[in-house]
Amino acid sequence: MSHPKKHLRTLQGIVEAPVEQVTPLVLDVPPVEGVTVDADPAARTVAVQGGWWYRSETTVTPVPKAA
């Protein structure tokens, strides 16, 4: 039986640092047994999947400074 994926929550925040400085820190996920990590530096995205119930996708996006 297949269950549709349910989007549970979206979190968002601003880090006041250059995207080039933040991206390597976000994509540097240490290996953990039973967890799959898929990092895409070109897209500045990392996906972390653990078991059948957990998946996290994080993307670093530049935001223009407010005037």
N, C-alpha and C. Protein backbone atom coordinates (compact mmCIF):
# COMPACT_ATOMS: atom_id res chain seq x y z
N MET A 1 0.84 -1.17 0.00
CA MET A 1 0.00 0.00 0.00
C MET A 1 0.89 1.24 0.00
N SER A 2 0.59 2.19 -0.87
CA SER A 2 1.38 3.41 -0.98
C SER A 2 0.63 4.58 -0.35
N HIS A 3 1.33 5.35 0.46
CA HIS A 3 0.74 6.53 1.07
C HIS A 3 1.30 7.77 0.40
N PRO A 4 0.43 8.75 0.13
CA PRO A 4 0.95 9.99 -0.46
C PRO A 4 1.87 10.70 0.53
N LYS A 5 2.87 11.39 0.00
CA LYS A 5 3.77 12.14 0.87
C LYS A 5 3.03 13.35 1.42
N LYS A 6 3.20 13.57 2.70
CA LYS A 6 2.53 14.69 3.36
C LYS A 6 3.57 15.69 3.84
N HIS A 7 3.45 16.91 3.36
CA HIS A 7 4.35 17.98 3.77
C HIS A 7 3.88 18.46 5.13
N LEU A 8 4.71 18.27 6.14
CA LEU A 8 4.29 18.59 7.50
C LEU A 8 4.62 20.01 7.94
N ARG A 9 5.78 20.50 7.54
CA ARG A 9 6.21 21.78 8.10
C ARG A 9 7.25 22.43 7.20
N THR A 10 7.22 23.75 7.15
CA THR A 10 8.24 24.53 6.46
C THR A 10 8.82 25.51 7.46
N LEU A 11 10.13 25.52 7.54
CA LEU A 11 10.84 26.46 8.41
C LEU A 11 11.70 27.34 7.54
N GLN A 12 11.85 28.59 7.95
CA GLN A 12 12.60 29.55 7.15
C GLN A 12 13.30 30.53 8.07
N GLY A 13 14.49 30.93 7.70
CA GLY A 13 15.22 31.91 8.49
C GLY A 13 16.24 32.62 7.64
N ILE A 14 16.76 33.72 8.16
CA ILE A 14 17.76 34.49 7.44
C ILE A 14 19.06 34.47 8.25
N VAL A 15 20.14 34.13 7.56
CA VAL A 15 21.48 34.15 8.14
C VAL A 15 22.21 35.32 7.48
N GLU A 16 22.63 36.26 8.27
CA GLU A 16 23.29 37.44 7.70
C GLU A 16 24.77 37.15 7.47
N ALA A 17 25.02 36.40 6.40
CA ALA A 17 26.38 36.03 5.98
C ALA A 17 26.31 35.72 4.49
N PRO A 18 27.41 35.82 3.79
CA PRO A 18 27.41 35.52 2.35
C PRO A 18 27.00 34.06 2.09
N VAL A 19 26.21 33.87 1.04
CA VAL A 19 25.74 32.53 0.70
C VAL A 19 26.91 31.58 0.44
N GLU A 20 28.02 32.11 -0.08
CA GLU A 20 29.20 31.29 -0.34
C GLU A 20 29.83 30.79 0.96
N GLN A 21 29.62 31.50 2.04
CA GLN A 21 30.16 31.10 3.33
C GLN A 21 29.22 30.12 4.05
N VAL A 22 27.93 30.30 3.89
CA VAL A 22 26.93 29.49 4.60
C VAL A 22 26.74 28.11 3.95
N THR A 23 26.73 28.08 2.61
CA THR A 23 26.43 26.84 1.88
C THR A 23 27.30 25.65 2.30
N PRO A 24 28.63 25.78 2.34
CA PRO A 24 29.44 24.61 2.73
C PRO A 24 29.12 24.12 4.15
N LEU A 25 28.75 25.01 5.03
CA LEU A 25 28.42 24.61 6.40
C LEU A 25 27.11 23.82 6.44
N VAL A 26 26.13 24.25 5.66
CA VAL A 26 24.83 23.56 5.62
C VAL A 26 24.95 22.20 4.95
N LEU A 27 25.75 22.11 3.90
CA LEU A 27 25.87 20.85 3.15
C LEU A 27 26.78 19.83 3.83
N ASP A 28 27.49 20.23 4.85
CA ASP A 28 28.42 19.32 5.54
C ASP A 28 27.68 18.53 6.63
N VAL A 29 26.95 17.51 6.21
CA VAL A 29 26.19 16.66 7.13
C VAL A 29 27.02 15.42 7.42
N PRO A 30 27.34 15.16 8.69
CA PRO A 30 28.16 13.99 9.01
C PRO A 30 27.40 12.69 8.74
N PRO A 31 28.12 11.62 8.41
CA PRO A 31 27.46 10.33 8.18
C PRO A 31 26.86 9.79 9.47
N VAL A 32 25.66 9.23 9.35
CA VAL A 32 24.96 8.61 10.48
C VAL A 32 24.39 7.29 9.98
N GLU A 33 24.56 6.24 10.76
CA GLU A 33 24.04 4.92 10.36
C GLU A 33 22.53 4.97 10.18
N GLY A 34 22.05 4.43 9.05
CA GLY A 34 20.62 4.38 8.78
C GLY A 34 20.05 5.65 8.18
N VAL A 35 20.91 6.61 7.86
CA VAL A 35 20.47 7.88 7.30
C VAL A 35 21.14 8.08 5.94
N THR A 36 20.36 8.51 4.96
CA THR A 36 20.88 8.79 3.63
C THR A 36 20.98 10.29 3.46
N VAL A 37 22.13 10.76 3.01
CA VAL A 37 22.35 12.18 2.78
C VAL A 37 22.66 12.39 1.30
N ASP A 38 21.95 13.32 0.66
CA ASP A 38 22.16 13.63 -0.75
C ASP A 38 22.39 15.13 -0.86
N ALA A 39 23.64 15.53 -1.04
CA ALA A 39 23.98 16.95 -1.15
C ALA A 39 24.22 17.32 -2.60
N ASP A 40 23.68 18.47 -3.00
CA ASP A 40 23.87 18.99 -4.35
C ASP A 40 24.43 20.41 -4.24
N PRO A 41 25.76 20.55 -4.24
CA PRO A 41 26.37 21.87 -4.07
C PRO A 41 25.93 22.88 -5.14
N ALA A 42 25.74 22.44 -6.38
CA ALA A 42 25.34 23.37 -7.45
C ALA A 42 23.97 23.98 -7.17
N ALA A 43 23.07 23.19 -6.57
CA ALA A 43 21.73 23.69 -6.23
C ALA A 43 21.67 24.23 -4.81
N ARG A 44 22.80 24.16 -4.08
CA ARG A 44 22.88 24.59 -2.67
C ARG A 44 21.79 23.92 -1.83
N THR A 45 21.61 22.61 -2.05
CA THR A 45 20.56 21.85 -1.38
C THR A 45 21.12 20.56 -0.79
N VAL A 46 20.59 20.17 0.36
CA VAL A 46 20.92 18.89 0.97
C VAL A 46 19.61 18.23 1.42
N ALA A 47 19.48 16.93 1.12
CA ALA A 47 18.33 16.15 1.57
C ALA A 47 18.83 15.07 2.52
N VAL A 48 18.13 14.91 3.63
CA VAL A 48 18.48 13.91 4.63
C VAL A 48 17.26 13.02 4.82
N GLN A 49 17.44 11.70 4.65
CA GLN A 49 16.33 10.76 4.77
C GLN A 49 16.71 9.68 5.77
N GLY A 50 15.81 9.44 6.72
CA GLY A 50 16.04 8.40 7.72
C GLY A 50 14.82 7.53 7.86
N GLY A 51 14.97 6.26 7.54
CA GLY A 51 13.83 5.34 7.66
C GLY A 51 12.71 5.71 6.70
N TRP A 52 11.52 5.29 7.02
CA TRP A 52 10.38 5.52 6.12
C TRP A 52 9.62 6.79 6.45
N TRP A 53 9.91 7.41 7.58
CA TRP A 53 9.05 8.50 8.03
C TRP A 53 9.70 9.87 8.04
N TYR A 54 11.02 9.96 7.90
CA TYR A 54 11.67 11.25 8.03
C TYR A 54 12.40 11.66 6.76
N ARG A 55 12.16 12.89 6.34
CA ARG A 55 12.92 13.47 5.23
C ARG A 55 12.99 14.98 5.46
N SER A 56 14.18 15.50 5.30
CA SER A 56 14.40 16.94 5.44
C SER A 56 15.12 17.43 4.19
N GLU A 57 14.68 18.55 3.66
CA GLU A 57 15.36 19.16 2.52
C GLU A 57 15.69 20.60 2.91
N THR A 58 16.96 20.96 2.78
CA THR A 58 17.41 22.30 3.14
C THR A 58 18.08 22.94 1.93
N THR A 59 17.69 24.16 1.63
CA THR A 59 18.25 24.91 0.52
C THR A 59 18.74 26.26 1.02
N VAL A 60 19.93 26.63 0.58
CA VAL A 60 20.49 27.95 0.91
C VAL A 60 20.19 28.86 -0.28
N THR A 61 19.48 29.94 -0.01
CA THR A 61 19.07 30.87 -1.06
C THR A 61 19.51 32.29 -0.70
N PRO A 62 20.19 32.98 -1.60
CA PRO A 62 20.57 34.36 -1.30
C PRO A 62 19.33 35.25 -1.23
N VAL A 63 19.33 36.17 -0.28
CA VAL A 63 18.22 37.11 -0.12
C VAL A 63 18.82 38.52 -0.15
N PRO A 64 18.26 39.40 -0.98
CA PRO A 64 18.79 40.77 -1.01
C PRO A 64 18.56 41.46 0.34
N LYS A 65 19.52 42.29 0.71
CA LYS A 65 19.38 43.05 1.95
C LYS A 65 18.27 44.08 1.83
N ALA A 66 17.53 44.27 2.92
CA ALA A 66 16.50 45.30 2.94
C ALA A 66 17.15 46.68 2.96
N ALA A 67 16.50 47.62 2.35
CA ALA A 67 17.05 48.98 2.29
C ALA A 67 16.87 49.70 3.62
